[in-house]
Amino acid sequence: MSFRITVPILVIAVMISAISLVNTRYHSRSLFIKSEQLGLQAQELDIAWRHLQSDRAELVRHARITQLAREDLNLVPAELPRTMYIPGRPSVLVPREGRP
């Protein structure tokens, strides 16, 4: 009689174990895929961070050059009222005769 009771209990235990194994492997694969996606996202963010640092360095260098030009060389940006135009035709744009 105990044999009749233990076999169905063992079958049920094996089925529960198999379902648990399948469930665990499914979650493991899901977590692995998520981990790979996050790794790719981390690489993309790292590349974006490097681009931002490069852009920042470029802007800082431009700001430093502008600061040095203003302070050391006393240069200022050109303004329309301070701009002088020289009348006449530009010699660079006029083709010379006798030369190709």
PDB file of N, CA and C in Angstrom:
ATOM      1  N   MET A   1       0.807  -1.183   0.000  1.00  0.00           N
ATOM      2  CA  MET A   1       0.000   0.000   0.000  1.00  0.00           C
ATOM      3  C   MET A   1       0.865   1.268   0.000  1.00  0.00           C
ATOM      4  N   SER A   2       1.963   1.239   0.690  1.00  0.00           N
ATOM      5  CA  SER A   2       2.821   2.408   0.704  1.00  0.00           C
ATOM      6  C   SER A   2       3.461   2.641  -0.660  1.00  0.00           C
ATOM      7  N   PHE A   3       3.632   1.546  -1.432  1.00  0.00           N
ATOM      8  CA  PHE A   3       4.183   1.681  -2.775  1.00  0.00           C
ATOM      9  C   PHE A   3       3.214   2.433  -3.682  1.00  0.00           C
ATOM     10  N   ARG A   4       1.921   2.202  -3.510  1.00  0.00           N
ATOM     11  CA  ARG A   4       0.904   2.878  -4.307  1.00  0.00           C
ATOM     12  C   ARG A   4       0.840   4.372  -3.988  1.00  0.00           C
ATOM     13  N   ILE A   5       1.173   4.735  -2.808  1.00  0.00           N
ATOM     14  CA  ILE A   5       1.116   6.149  -2.404  1.00  0.00           C
ATOM     15  C   ILE A   5       2.404   6.867  -2.788  1.00  0.00           C
ATOM     16  N   THR A   6       3.555   6.236  -2.657  1.00  0.00           N
ATOM     17  CA  THR A   6       4.830   6.904  -2.904  1.00  0.00           C
ATOM     18  C   THR A   6       5.084   7.157  -4.390  1.00  0.00           C
ATOM     19  N   VAL A   7       4.645   6.278  -5.276  1.00  0.00           N
ATOM     20  CA  VAL A   7       4.881   6.481  -6.706  1.00  0.00           C
ATOM     21  C   VAL A   7       4.171   7.738  -7.199  1.00  0.00           C
ATOM     22  N   PRO A   8       2.883   7.948  -6.957  1.00  0.00           N
ATOM     23  CA  PRO A   8       2.259   9.195  -7.416  1.00  0.00           C
ATOM     24  C   PRO A   8       2.889  10.436  -6.775  1.00  0.00           C
ATOM     25  N   ILE A   9       3.290  10.323  -5.520  1.00  0.00           N
ATOM     26  CA  ILE A   9       3.940  11.468  -4.867  1.00  0.00           C
ATOM     27  C   ILE A   9       5.270  11.758  -5.539  1.00  0.00           C
ATOM     28  N   LEU A  10       6.042  10.732  -5.868  1.00  0.00           N
ATOM     29  CA  LEU A  10       7.303  10.925  -6.569  1.00  0.00           C
ATOM     30  C   LEU A  10       7.087  11.488  -7.973  1.00  0.00           C
ATOM     31  N   VAL A  11       6.069  11.026  -8.670  1.00  0.00           N
ATOM     32  CA  VAL A  11       5.756  11.546 -10.007  1.00  0.00           C
ATOM     33  C   VAL A  11       5.395  13.031  -9.912  1.00  0.00           C
ATOM     34  N   ILE A  12       4.588  13.373  -8.943  1.00  0.00           N
ATOM     35  CA  ILE A  12       4.207  14.781  -8.752  1.00  0.00           C
ATOM     36  C   ILE A  12       5.432  15.618  -8.399  1.00  0.00           C
ATOM     37  N   ALA A  13       6.296  15.087  -7.533  1.00  0.00           N
ATOM     38  CA  ALA A  13       7.513  15.803  -7.147  1.00  0.00           C
ATOM     39  C   ALA A  13       8.436  16.003  -8.353  1.00  0.00           C
ATOM     40  N   VAL A  14       8.566  14.986  -9.197  1.00  0.00           N
ATOM     41  CA  VAL A  14       9.399  15.106 -10.397  1.00  0.00           C
ATOM     42  C   VAL A  14       8.790  16.127 -11.353  1.00  0.00           C
ATOM     43  N   MET A  15       7.484  16.125 -11.520  1.00  0.00           N
ATOM     44  CA  MET A  15       6.823  17.100 -12.398  1.00  0.00           C
ATOM     45  C   MET A  15       7.010  18.528 -11.879  1.00  0.00           C
ATOM     46  N   ILE A  16       6.870  18.705 -10.580  1.00  0.00           N
ATOM     47  CA  ILE A  16       7.071  20.033  -9.980  1.00  0.00           C
ATOM     48  C   ILE A  16       8.524  20.472 -10.164  1.00  0.00           C
ATOM     49  N   SER A  17       9.439  19.527  -9.975  1.00  0.00           N
ATOM     50  CA  SER A  17      10.855  19.835 -10.162  1.00  0.00           C
ATOM     51  C   SER A  17      11.142  20.211 -11.614  1.00  0.00           C
ATOM     52  N   ALA A  18      10.569  19.486 -12.571  1.00  0.00           N
ATOM     53  CA  ALA A  18      10.784  19.783 -13.988  1.00  0.00           C
ATOM     54  C   ALA A  18      10.218  21.147 -14.352  1.00  0.00           C
ATOM     55  N   ILE A  19       9.011  21.441 -13.866  1.00  0.00           N
ATOM     56  CA  ILE A  19       8.408  22.755 -14.145  1.00  0.00           C
ATOM     57  C   ILE A  19       9.243  23.863 -13.512  1.00  0.00           C
ATOM     58  N   SER A  20       9.729  23.609 -12.308  1.00  0.00           N
ATOM     59  CA  SER A  20      10.580  24.594 -11.638  1.00  0.00           C
ATOM     60  C   SER A  20      11.876  24.815 -12.422  1.00  0.00           C
ATOM     61  N   LEU A  21      12.457  23.745 -12.957  1.00  0.00           N
ATOM     62  CA  LEU A  21      13.683  23.850 -13.747  1.00  0.00           C
ATOM     63  C   LEU A  21      13.436  24.667 -15.019  1.00  0.00           C
ATOM     64  N   VAL A  22      12.348  24.388 -15.716  1.00  0.00           N
ATOM     65  CA  VAL A  22      12.024  25.139 -16.932  1.00  0.00           C
ATOM     66  C   VAL A  22      11.801  26.607 -16.602  1.00  0.00           C
ATOM     67  N   ASN A  23      11.095  26.880 -15.521  1.00  0.00           N
ATOM     68  CA  ASN A  23      10.835  28.261 -15.106  1.00  0.00           C
ATOM     69  C   ASN A  23      12.139  28.982 -14.756  1.00  0.00           C
ATOM     70  N   THR A  24      13.017  28.293 -14.050  1.00  0.00           N
ATOM     71  CA  THR A  24      14.298  28.888 -13.657  1.00  0.00           C
ATOM     72  C   THR A  24      15.160  29.177 -14.872  1.00  0.00           C
ATOM     73  N   ARG A  25      15.205  28.254 -15.830  1.00  0.00           N
ATOM     74  CA  ARG A  25      15.999  28.475 -17.040  1.00  0.00           C
ATOM     75  C   ARG A  25      15.426  29.630 -17.863  1.00  0.00           C
ATOM     76  N   TYR A  26      14.115  29.742 -17.930  1.00  0.00           N
ATOM     77  CA  TYR A  26      13.480  30.841 -18.653  1.00  0.00           C
ATOM     78  C   TYR A  26      13.883  32.183 -18.038  1.00  0.00           C
ATOM     79  N   HIS A  27      13.796  32.274 -16.714  1.00  0.00           N
ATOM     80  CA  HIS A  27      14.178  33.525 -16.036  1.00  0.00           C
ATOM     81  C   HIS A  27      15.673  33.788 -16.195  1.00  0.00           C
ATOM     82  N   SER A  28      16.464  32.749 -16.169  1.00  0.00           N
ATOM     83  CA  SER A  28      17.905  32.911 -16.354  1.00  0.00           C
ATOM     84  C   SER A  28      18.208  33.474 -17.740  1.00  0.00           C
ATOM     85  N   ARG A  29      17.562  32.933 -18.757  1.00  0.00           N
ATOM     86  CA  ARG A  29      17.769  33.442 -20.117  1.00  0.00           C
ATOM     87  C   ARG A  29      17.272  34.872 -20.251  1.00  0.00           C
ATOM     88  N   SER A  30      16.144  35.167 -19.640  1.00  0.00           N
ATOM     89  CA  SER A  30      15.614  36.535 -19.687  1.00  0.00           C
ATOM     90  C   SER A  30      16.595  37.515 -19.039  1.00  0.00           C
ATOM     91  N   LEU A  31      17.141  37.121 -17.902  1.00  0.00           N
ATOM     92  CA  LEU A  31      18.102  37.992 -17.221  1.00  0.00           C
ATOM     93  C   LEU A  31      19.391  38.134 -18.029  1.00  0.00           C
ATOM     94  N   PHE A  32      19.830  37.070 -18.695  1.00  0.00           N
ATOM     95  CA  PHE A  32      21.028  37.145 -19.521  1.00  0.00           C
ATOM     96  C   PHE A  32      20.815  38.098 -20.697  1.00  0.00           C
ATOM     97  N   ILE A  33      19.652  37.994 -21.340  1.00  0.00           N
ATOM     98  CA  ILE A  33      19.348  38.887 -22.458  1.00  0.00           C
ATOM     99  C   ILE A  33      19.298  40.340 -21.978  1.00  0.00           C
ATOM    100  N   LYS A  34      18.676  40.562 -20.835  1.00  0.00           N
ATOM    101  CA  LYS A  34      18.605  41.917 -20.267  1.00  0.00           C
ATOM    102  C   LYS A  34      20.005  42.430 -19.941  1.00  0.00           C
ATOM    103  N   SER A  35      20.849  41.540 -19.411  1.00  0.00           N
ATOM    104  CA  SER A  35      22.229  41.913 -19.102  1.00  0.00           C
ATOM    105  C   SER A  35      22.985  42.319 -20.361  1.00  0.00           C
ATOM    106  N   GLU A  36      22.809  41.571 -21.445  1.00  0.00           N
ATOM    107  CA  GLU A  36      23.465  41.909 -22.709  1.00  0.00           C
ATOM    108  C   GLU A  36      22.959  43.251 -23.242  1.00  0.00           C
ATOM    109  N   GLN A  37      21.668  43.493 -23.151  1.00  0.00           N
ATOM    110  CA  GLN A  37      21.103  44.756 -23.613  1.00  0.00           C
ATOM    111  C   GLN A  37      21.649  45.919 -22.802  1.00  0.00           C
ATOM    112  N   LEU A  38      21.744  45.730 -21.496  1.00  0.00           N
ATOM    113  CA  LEU A  38      22.285  46.794 -20.644  1.00  0.00           C
ATOM    114  C   LEU A  38      23.764  47.023 -20.922  1.00  0.00           C
ATOM    115  N   GLY A  39      24.486  45.953 -21.255  1.00  0.00           N
ATOM    116  CA  GLY A  39      25.895  46.106 -21.625  1.00  0.00           C
ATOM    117  C   GLY A  39      26.049  46.927 -22.890  1.00  0.00           C
ATOM    118  N   LEU A  40      25.196  46.661 -23.887  1.00  0.00           N
ATOM    119  CA  LEU A  40      25.228  47.453 -25.122  1.00  0.00           C
ATOM    120  C   LEU A  40      24.849  48.902 -24.863  1.00  0.00           C
ATOM    121  N   GLN A  41      23.849  49.101 -24.006  1.00  0.00           N
ATOM    122  CA  GLN A  41      23.447  50.469 -23.657  1.00  0.00           C
ATOM    123  C   GLN A  41      24.584  51.188 -22.933  1.00  0.00           C
ATOM    124  N   ALA A  42      25.295  50.466 -22.069  1.00  0.00           N
ATOM    125  CA  ALA A  42      26.428  51.072 -21.360  1.00  0.00           C
ATOM    126  C   ALA A  42      27.520  51.486 -22.344  1.00  0.00           C
ATOM    127  N   GLN A  43      27.764  50.665 -23.367  1.00  0.00           N
ATOM    128  CA  GLN A  43      28.759  51.025 -24.373  1.00  0.00           C
ATOM    129  C   GLN A  43      28.322  52.261 -25.149  1.00  0.00           C
ATOM    130  N   GLU A  44      27.041  52.325 -25.517  1.00  0.00           N
ATOM    131  CA  GLU A  44      26.534  53.493 -26.234  1.00  0.00           C
ATOM    132  C   GLU A  44      26.644  54.751 -25.375  1.00  0.00           C
ATOM    133  N   LEU A  45      26.329  54.626 -24.095  1.00  0.00           N
ATOM    134  CA  LEU A  45      26.445  55.776 -23.188  1.00  0.00           C
ATOM    135  C   LEU A  45      27.902  56.198 -23.012  1.00  0.00           C
ATOM    136  N   ASP A  46      28.802  55.228 -22.987  1.00  0.00           N
ATOM    137  CA  ASP A  46      30.224  55.541 -22.869  1.00  0.00           C
ATOM    138  C   ASP A  46      30.708  56.298 -24.095  1.00  0.00           C
ATOM    139  N   ILE A  47      30.263  55.872 -25.271  1.00  0.00           N
ATOM    140  CA  ILE A  47      30.638  56.574 -26.504  1.00  0.00           C
ATOM    141  C   ILE A  47      30.066  57.992 -26.495  1.00  0.00           C
ATOM    142  N   ALA A  48      28.812  58.125 -26.090  1.00  0.00           N
ATOM    143  CA  ALA A  48      28.198  59.458 -26.013  1.00  0.00           C
ATOM    144  C   ALA A  48      28.936  60.338 -25.014  1.00  0.00           C
ATOM    145  N   TRP A  49      29.350  59.756 -23.888  1.00  0.00           N
ATOM    146  CA  TRP A  49      30.101  60.509 -22.872  1.00  0.00           C
ATOM    147  C   TRP A  49      31.425  60.993 -23.438  1.00  0.00           C
ATOM    148  N   ARG A  50      32.101  60.145 -24.198  1.00  0.00           N
ATOM    149  CA  ARG A  50      33.378  60.554 -24.800  1.00  0.00           C
ATOM    150  C   ARG A  50      33.169  61.672 -25.800  1.00  0.00           C
ATOM    151  N   HIS A  51      32.085  61.604 -26.593  1.00  0.00           N
ATOM    152  CA  HIS A  51      31.790  62.695 -27.528  1.00  0.00           C
ATOM    153  C   HIS A  51      31.506  63.993 -26.781  1.00  0.00           C
ATOM    154  N   LEU A  52      30.766  63.908 -25.697  1.00  0.00           N
ATOM    155  CA  LEU A  52      30.472  65.106 -24.914  1.00  0.00           C
ATOM    156  C   LEU A  52      31.743  65.695 -24.304  1.00  0.00           C
ATOM    157  N   GLN A  53      32.630  64.843 -23.823  1.00  0.00           N
ATOM    158  CA  GLN A  53      33.890  65.345 -23.275  1.00  0.00           C
ATOM    159  C   GLN A  53      34.731  66.007 -24.357  1.00  0.00           C
ATOM    160  N   SER A  54      34.737  65.422 -25.549  1.00  0.00           N
ATOM    161  CA  SER A  54      35.471  66.011 -26.666  1.00  0.00           C
ATOM    162  C   SER A  54      34.882  67.369 -27.041  1.00  0.00           C
ATOM    163  N   ASP A  55      33.549  67.434 -27.115  1.00  0.00           N
ATOM    164  CA  ASP A  55      32.896  68.711 -27.416  1.00  0.00           C
ATOM    165  C   ASP A  55      33.185  69.745 -26.345  1.00  0.00           C
ATOM    166  N   ARG A  56      33.170  69.317 -25.094  1.00  0.00           N
ATOM    167  CA  ARG A  56      33.456  70.233 -23.985  1.00  0.00           C
ATOM    168  C   ARG A  56      34.878  70.758 -24.073  1.00  0.00           C
ATOM    169  N   ALA A  57      35.823  69.861 -24.371  1.00  0.00           N
ATOM    170  CA  ALA A  57      37.217  70.286 -24.500  1.00  0.00           C
ATOM    171  C   ALA A  57      37.367  71.287 -25.640  1.00  0.00           C
ATOM    172  N   GLU A  58      36.646  71.059 -26.730  1.00  0.00           N
ATOM    173  CA  GLU A  58      36.703  71.978 -27.868  1.00  0.00           C
ATOM    174  C   GLU A  58      36.132  73.340 -27.490  1.00  0.00           C
ATOM    175  N   LEU A  59      35.017  73.345 -26.762  1.00  0.00           N
ATOM    176  CA  LEU A  59      34.420  74.615 -26.345  1.00  0.00           C
ATOM    177  C   LEU A  59      35.305  75.348 -25.351  1.00  0.00           C
ATOM    178  N   VAL A  60      35.917  74.610 -24.452  1.00  0.00           N
ATOM    179  CA  VAL A  60      36.804  75.240 -23.472  1.00  0.00           C
ATOM    180  C   VAL A  60      38.000  75.860 -24.181  1.00  0.00           C
ATOM    181  N   ARG A  61      38.536  75.130 -25.180  1.00  0.00           N
ATOM    182  CA  ARG A  61      39.678  75.665 -25.912  1.00  0.00           C
ATOM    183  C   ARG A  61      39.276  76.937 -26.656  1.00  0.00           C
ATOM    184  N   HIS A  62      38.097  76.943 -27.277  1.00  0.00           N
ATOM    185  CA  HIS A  62      37.626  78.137 -27.981  1.00  0.00           C
ATOM    186  C   HIS A  62      37.423  79.292 -26.995  1.00  0.00           C
ATOM    187  N   ALA A  63      36.844  79.007 -25.849  1.00  0.00           N
ATOM    188  CA  ALA A  63      36.629  80.054 -24.844  1.00  0.00           C
ATOM    189  C   ALA A  63      37.968  80.602 -24.341  1.00  0.00           C
ATOM    190  N   ARG A  64      38.939  79.732 -24.185  1.00  0.00           N
ATOM    191  CA  ARG A  64      40.267  80.177 -23.723  1.00  0.00           C
ATOM    192  C   ARG A  64      40.918  81.071 -24.769  1.00  0.00           C
ATOM    193  N   ILE A  65      40.809  80.702 -26.033  1.00  0.00           N
ATOM    194  CA  ILE A  65      41.382  81.526 -27.102  1.00  0.00           C
ATOM    195  C   ILE A  65      40.689  82.883 -27.148  1.00  0.00           C
ATOM    196  N   THR A  66      39.368  82.884 -27.015  1.00  0.00           N
ATOM    197  CA  THR A  66      38.624  84.140 -27.008  1.00  0.00           C
ATOM    198  C   THR A  66      39.045  85.014 -25.825  1.00  0.00           C
ATOM    199  N   GLN A  67      39.200  84.389 -24.672  1.00  0.00           N
ATOM    200  CA  GLN A  67      39.610  85.138 -23.478  1.00  0.00           C
ATOM    201  C   GLN A  67      41.004  85.732 -23.670  1.00  0.00           C
ATOM    202  N   LEU A  68      41.930  84.955 -24.183  1.00  0.00           N
ATOM    203  CA  LEU A  68      43.284  85.468 -24.415  1.00  0.00           C
ATOM    204  C   LEU A  68      43.280  86.588 -25.454  1.00  0.00           C
ATOM    205  N   ALA A  69      42.467  86.437 -26.495  1.00  0.00           N
ATOM    206  CA  ALA A  69      42.402  87.479 -27.517  1.00  0.00           C
ATOM    207  C   ALA A  69      41.866  88.782 -26.933  1.00  0.00           C
ATOM    208  N   ARG A  70      40.884  88.686 -26.070  1.00  0.00           N
ATOM    209  CA  ARG A  70      40.316  89.903 -25.472  1.00  0.00           C
ATOM    210  C   ARG A  70      41.268  90.537 -24.458  1.00  0.00           C
ATOM    211  N   GLU A  71      41.852  89.719 -23.599  1.00  0.00           N
ATOM    212  CA  GLU A  71      42.659  90.263 -22.505  1.00  0.00           C
ATOM    213  C   GLU A  71      44.071  90.638 -22.940  1.00  0.00           C
ATOM    214  N   ASP A  72      44.773  89.737 -23.613  1.00  0.00           N
ATOM    215  CA  ASP A  72      46.177  89.977 -23.940  1.00  0.00           C
ATOM    216  C   ASP A  72      46.355  90.838 -25.186  1.00  0.00           C
ATOM    217  N   LEU A  73      45.503  90.622 -26.185  1.00  0.00           N
ATOM    218  CA  LEU A  73      45.657  91.345 -27.443  1.00  0.00           C
ATOM    219  C   LEU A  73      44.670  92.495 -27.595  1.00  0.00           C
ATOM    220  N   ASN A  74      43.785  92.652 -26.636  1.00  0.00           N
ATOM    221  CA  ASN A  74      42.770  93.706 -26.660  1.00  0.00           C
ATOM    222  C   ASN A  74      41.934  93.665 -27.944  1.00  0.00           C
ATOM    223  N   LEU A  75      41.592  92.481 -28.395  1.00  0.00           N
ATOM    224  CA  LEU A  75      40.751  92.316 -29.576  1.00  0.00           C
ATOM    225  C   LEU A  75      39.290  92.260 -29.154  1.00  0.00           C
ATOM    226  N   VAL A  76      38.428  92.797 -30.011  1.00  0.00           N
ATOM    227  CA  VAL A  76      36.988  92.751 -29.757  1.00  0.00           C
ATOM    228  C   VAL A  76      36.308  92.274 -31.038  1.00  0.00           C
ATOM    229  N   PRO A  77      35.136  91.711 -30.932  1.00  0.00           N
ATOM    230  CA  PRO A  77      34.422  91.286 -32.148  1.00  0.00           C
ATOM    231  C   PRO A  77      34.068  92.482 -33.022  1.00  0.00           C
ATOM    232  N   ALA A  78      34.060  92.271 -34.318  1.00  0.00           N
ATOM    233  CA  ALA A  78      33.733  93.348 -35.259  1.00  0.00           C
ATOM    234  C   ALA A  78      32.264  93.702 -35.135  1.00  0.00           C
ATOM    235  N   GLU A  79      32.003  95.009 -35.104  1.00  0.00           N
ATOM    236  CA  GLU A  79      30.640  95.508 -35.039  1.00  0.00           C
ATOM    237  C   GLU A  79      30.363  96.305 -36.304  1.00  0.00           C
ATOM    238  N   LEU A  80      29.119  96.335 -36.702  1.00  0.00           N
ATOM    239  CA  LEU A  80      28.761  97.005 -37.942  1.00  0.00           C
ATOM    240  C   LEU A  80      29.141  98.492 -37.963  1.00  0.00           C
ATOM    241  N   PRO A  81      28.924  99.260 -36.900  1.00  0.00           N
ATOM    242  CA  PRO A  81      29.308 100.685 -36.963  1.00  0.00           C
ATOM    243  C   PRO A  81      30.831 100.882 -37.060  1.00  0.00           C
ATOM    244  N   ARG A  82      31.606  99.917 -36.623  1.00  0.00           N
ATOM    245  CA  ARG A  82      33.061 100.061 -36.644  1.00  0.00           C
ATOM    246  C   ARG A  82      33.676  99.500 -37.924  1.00  0.00           C
ATOM    247  N   THR A  83      32.864  98.931 -38.800  1.00  0.00           N
ATOM    248  CA  THR A  83      33.371  98.319 -40.015  1.00  0.00           C
ATOM    249  C   THR A  83      33.550  99.370 -41.089  1.00  0.00           C
ATOM    250  N   MET A  84      34.704  99.356 -41.728  1.00  0.00           N
ATOM    251  CA  MET A  84      34.989 100.312 -42.802  1.00  0.00           C
ATOM    252  C   MET A  84      35.109  99.536 -44.102  1.00  0.00           C
ATOM    253  N   TYR A  85      34.429 100.009 -45.128  1.00  0.00           N
ATOM    254  CA  TYR A  85      34.492  99.401 -46.443  1.00  0.00           C
ATOM    255  C   TYR A  85      35.315 100.292 -47.367  1.00  0.00           C
ATOM    256  N   ILE A  86      36.213  99.697 -48.090  1.00  0.00           N
ATOM    257  CA  ILE A  86      37.071 100.453 -49.010  1.00  0.00           C
ATOM    258  C   ILE A  86      36.422 100.413 -50.388  1.00  0.00           C
ATOM    259  N   PRO A  87      36.161 101.571 -50.959  1.00  0.00           N
ATOM    260  CA  PRO A  87      35.517 101.585 -52.269  1.00  0.00           C
ATOM    261  C   PRO A  87      36.493 101.149 -53.359  1.00  0.00           C
ATOM    262  N   GLY A  88      35.932 100.678 -54.441  1.00  0.00           N
ATOM    263  CA  GLY A  88      36.757 100.240 -55.566  1.00  0.00           C
ATOM    264  C   GLY A  88      36.464  98.788 -55.882  1.00  0.00           C
ATOM    265  N   ARG A  89      37.068  98.339 -56.927  1.00  0.00           N
ATOM    266  CA  ARG A  89      36.817  96.952 -57.284  1.00  0.00           C
ATOM    267  C   ARG A  89      37.952  96.080 -56.749  1.00  0.00           C
ATOM    268  N   PRO A  90      37.624  94.920 -56.310  1.00  0.00           N
ATOM    269  CA  PRO A  90      38.661  94.034 -55.771  1.00  0.00           C
ATOM    270  C   PRO A  90      39.534  93.485 -56.889  1.00  0.00           C
ATOM    271  N   SER A  91      40.835  93.603 -56.719  1.00  0.00           N
ATOM    272  CA  SER A  91      41.754  93.180 -57.767  1.00  0.00           C
ATOM    273  C   SER A  91      41.870  91.660 -57.849  1.00  0.00           C
ATOM    274  N   VAL A  92      41.542  90.978 -56.818  1.00  0.00           N
ATOM    275  CA  VAL A  92      41.669  89.526 -56.809  1.00  0.00           C
ATOM    276  C   VAL A  92      40.624  88.881 -57.706  1.00  0.00           C
ATOM    277  N   LEU A  93      39.446  89.477 -57.774  1.00  0.00           N
ATOM    278  CA  LEU A  93      38.367  88.870 -58.530  1.00  0.00           C
ATOM    279  C   LEU A  93      38.373  89.251 -59.999  1.00  0.00           C
ATOM    280  N   VAL A  94      39.139  90.262 -60.363  1.00  0.00           N
ATOM    281  CA  VAL A  94      39.184  90.720 -61.759  1.00  0.00           C
ATOM    282  C   VAL A  94      40.221  89.896 -62.502  1.00  0.00           C
ATOM    283  N   PRO A  95      39.833  89.235 -63.621  1.00  0.00           N
ATOM    284  CA  PRO A  95      40.829  88.462 -64.376  1.00  0.00           C
ATOM    285  C   PRO A  95      41.813  89.380 -65.087  1.00  0.00           C
ATOM    286  N   ARG A  96      43.063  88.974 -65.098  1.00  0.00           N
ATOM    287  CA  ARG A  96      44.119  89.766 -65.766  1.00  0.00           C
ATOM    288  C   ARG A  96      44.137  89.428 -67.247  1.00  0.00           C
ATOM    289  N   GLU A  97      44.383  90.460 -68.051  1.00  0.00           N
ATOM    290  CA  GLU A  97      44.406  90.236 -69.492  1.00  0.00           C
ATOM    291  C   GLU A  97      45.779  89.764 -69.924  1.00  0.00           C
ATOM    292  N   GLY A  98      45.769  88.810 -70.841  1.00  0.00           N
ATOM    293  CA  GLY A  98      47.026  88.310 -71.371  1.00  0.00           C
ATOM    294  C   GLY A  98      47.543  87.101 -70.614  1.00  0.00           C
ATOM    295  N   ARG A  99      46.932  86.761 -69.535  1.00  0.00           N
ATOM    296  CA  ARG A  99      47.342  85.588 -68.761  1.00  0.00           C
ATOM    297  C   ARG A  99      46.158  84.643 -68.630  1.00  0.00           C
ATOM    298  N   PRO A 100      46.432  83.348 -68.691  1.00  0.00           N
ATOM    299  CA  PRO A 100      45.311  82.388 -68.557  1.00  0.00           C
ATOM    300  C   PRO A 100      44.772  82.291 -67.172  1.00  0.00           C
TER     301      PRO A 100
END
